[in-house]
Amino acid sequence: MFRKTVNGDISDEDFKKILITFNNNYDEFLGNYIMPEVIAFYIANLFYRNAMWKGSFKQHYNSAADVINFFNEDYEKVKTEVIKILKTKYALKVINE
């Protein structure tokens, strides 16, 4: 493991604590900033290229997330951001989920 400060080896417990904290922070960043943009782009791109098949919002959401192996626990939070981005950036309004 690479660290800013190196004072010798760390315990397995410290490693797990550091790694879990990092992973949680990384997942939160993806869920708050990256995934809403990615999923909105994916859905808008499908729509504007006439490539959207019949399916629920959640099916399209999951397809976009699956492409980059993102599994966010807070679907509702990311969904709200995706709907907002679709409306403001792509002029698309979700009328039925």
Protein backbone atom coordinates (compact mmCIF):
# COMPACT_ATOMS: atom_id res chain seq x y z
CA MET A 1 0.00 0.00 0.00
CA PHE A 2 1.26 3.50 -0.79
CA ARG A 3 0.81 6.15 1.88
CA LYS A 4 1.77 9.79 2.40
CA THR A 5 3.50 8.94 5.66
CA VAL A 6 5.36 5.72 6.17
CA ASN A 7 6.18 4.65 9.70
CA GLY A 8 6.57 0.98 9.00
CA ASP A 9 3.99 -1.68 8.32
CA ILE A 10 0.39 -1.26 9.39
CA SER A 11 -1.90 -3.88 10.83
CA ASP A 12 -4.53 -5.68 8.81
CA GLU A 13 -7.18 -3.91 10.90
CA ASP A 14 -5.74 -0.47 10.07
CA PHE A 15 -5.48 -1.41 6.41
CA LYS A 16 -9.14 -2.48 6.33
CA LYS A 17 -10.20 0.68 8.16
CA ILE A 18 -8.27 2.89 5.71
CA LEU A 19 -9.47 0.98 2.66
CA ILE A 20 -13.12 0.90 3.73
CA THR A 21 -13.03 4.66 4.40
CA PHE A 22 -11.45 5.25 0.99
CA ASN A 23 -13.98 3.03 -0.81
CA ASN A 24 -16.92 4.72 0.91
CA ASN A 25 -15.58 8.16 -0.03
CA TYR A 26 -14.96 7.06 -3.63
CA ASP A 27 -18.45 5.56 -3.97
CA GLU A 28 -20.00 8.73 -2.55
CA PHE A 29 -18.08 10.86 -5.07
CA LEU A 30 -19.21 8.65 -7.97
CA GLY A 31 -22.81 8.69 -6.79
CA ASN A 32 -22.91 12.44 -6.25
CA TYR A 33 -20.95 13.77 -9.22
CA ILE A 34 -20.11 11.23 -11.91
CA MET A 35 -22.98 8.79 -12.22
CA PRO A 36 -25.84 11.28 -12.55
CA GLU A 37 -24.03 12.81 -15.55
CA VAL A 38 -23.14 9.42 -17.05
CA ILE A 39 -26.63 7.98 -16.68
CA ALA A 40 -28.31 11.13 -18.00
CA PHE A 41 -25.97 11.15 -21.01
CA TYR A 42 -26.66 7.45 -21.63
CA ILE A 43 -30.44 7.92 -21.56
CA ALA A 44 -30.37 11.11 -23.64
CA ASN A 45 -28.04 9.50 -26.18
CA LEU A 46 -30.39 6.52 -26.51
CA PHE A 47 -33.36 8.81 -26.98
CA TYR A 48 -31.84 11.24 -29.48
CA ARG A 49 -30.33 8.43 -31.58
CA ASN A 50 -33.67 6.62 -31.63
CA ALA A 51 -32.03 3.65 -29.94
CA MET A 52 -34.22 3.51 -26.84
CA TRP A 53 -36.22 0.35 -26.41
CA LYS A 54 -39.34 0.02 -24.34
CA GLY A 55 -38.40 -0.31 -20.70
CA SER A 56 -38.71 1.34 -17.34
CA PHE A 57 -36.53 4.19 -16.16
CA LYS A 58 -34.88 1.81 -13.71
CA GLN A 59 -34.03 -0.66 -16.51
CA HIS A 60 -32.29 2.07 -18.51
CA TYR A 61 -30.62 3.37 -15.33
CA ASN A 62 -29.30 -0.10 -14.52
CA SER A 63 -28.09 -0.63 -18.10
CA ALA A 64 -26.07 2.58 -17.91
CA ALA A 65 -24.67 1.67 -14.50
CA ASP A 66 -23.83 -1.88 -15.63
CA VAL A 67 -21.71 -0.61 -18.50
CA ILE A 68 -19.16 0.72 -16.01
CA ASN A 69 -19.90 -1.66 -13.12
CA PHE A 70 -21.36 0.96 -10.82
CA PHE A 71 -23.70 -0.25 -8.12
CA ASN A 72 -24.93 2.58 -5.94
CA GLU A 73 -26.99 1.87 -2.88
CA ASP A 74 -28.80 5.21 -3.16
CA TYR A 75 -30.80 4.74 -6.36
CA GLU A 76 -33.37 7.40 -5.43
CA LYS A 77 -30.75 10.08 -4.83
CA VAL A 78 -28.91 9.44 -8.11
CA LYS A 79 -32.22 9.09 -9.98
CA THR A 80 -33.31 12.55 -8.77
CA GLU A 81 -30.08 14.06 -10.11
CA VAL A 82 -30.38 12.16 -13.41
CA ILE A 83 -33.92 13.45 -13.94
CA LYS A 84 -32.77 17.00 -13.18
CA ILE A 85 -29.84 16.74 -15.64
CA LEU A 86 -32.06 15.22 -18.35
CA LYS A 87 -34.39 18.20 -18.02
CA THR A 88 -31.85 21.03 -17.79
CA LYS A 89 -29.06 19.74 -20.01
CA TYR A 90 -30.85 17.56 -22.57
CA ALA A 91 -34.38 19.07 -22.60
CA LEU A 92 -35.90 15.69 -21.77
CA LYS A 93 -38.64 15.26 -19.20
CA VAL A 94 -39.24 11.88 -17.56
CA ILE A 95 -43.00 11.47 -17.69
CA ASN A 96 -43.27 7.81 -16.75
CA GLU A 97 -40.91 5.59 -14.88
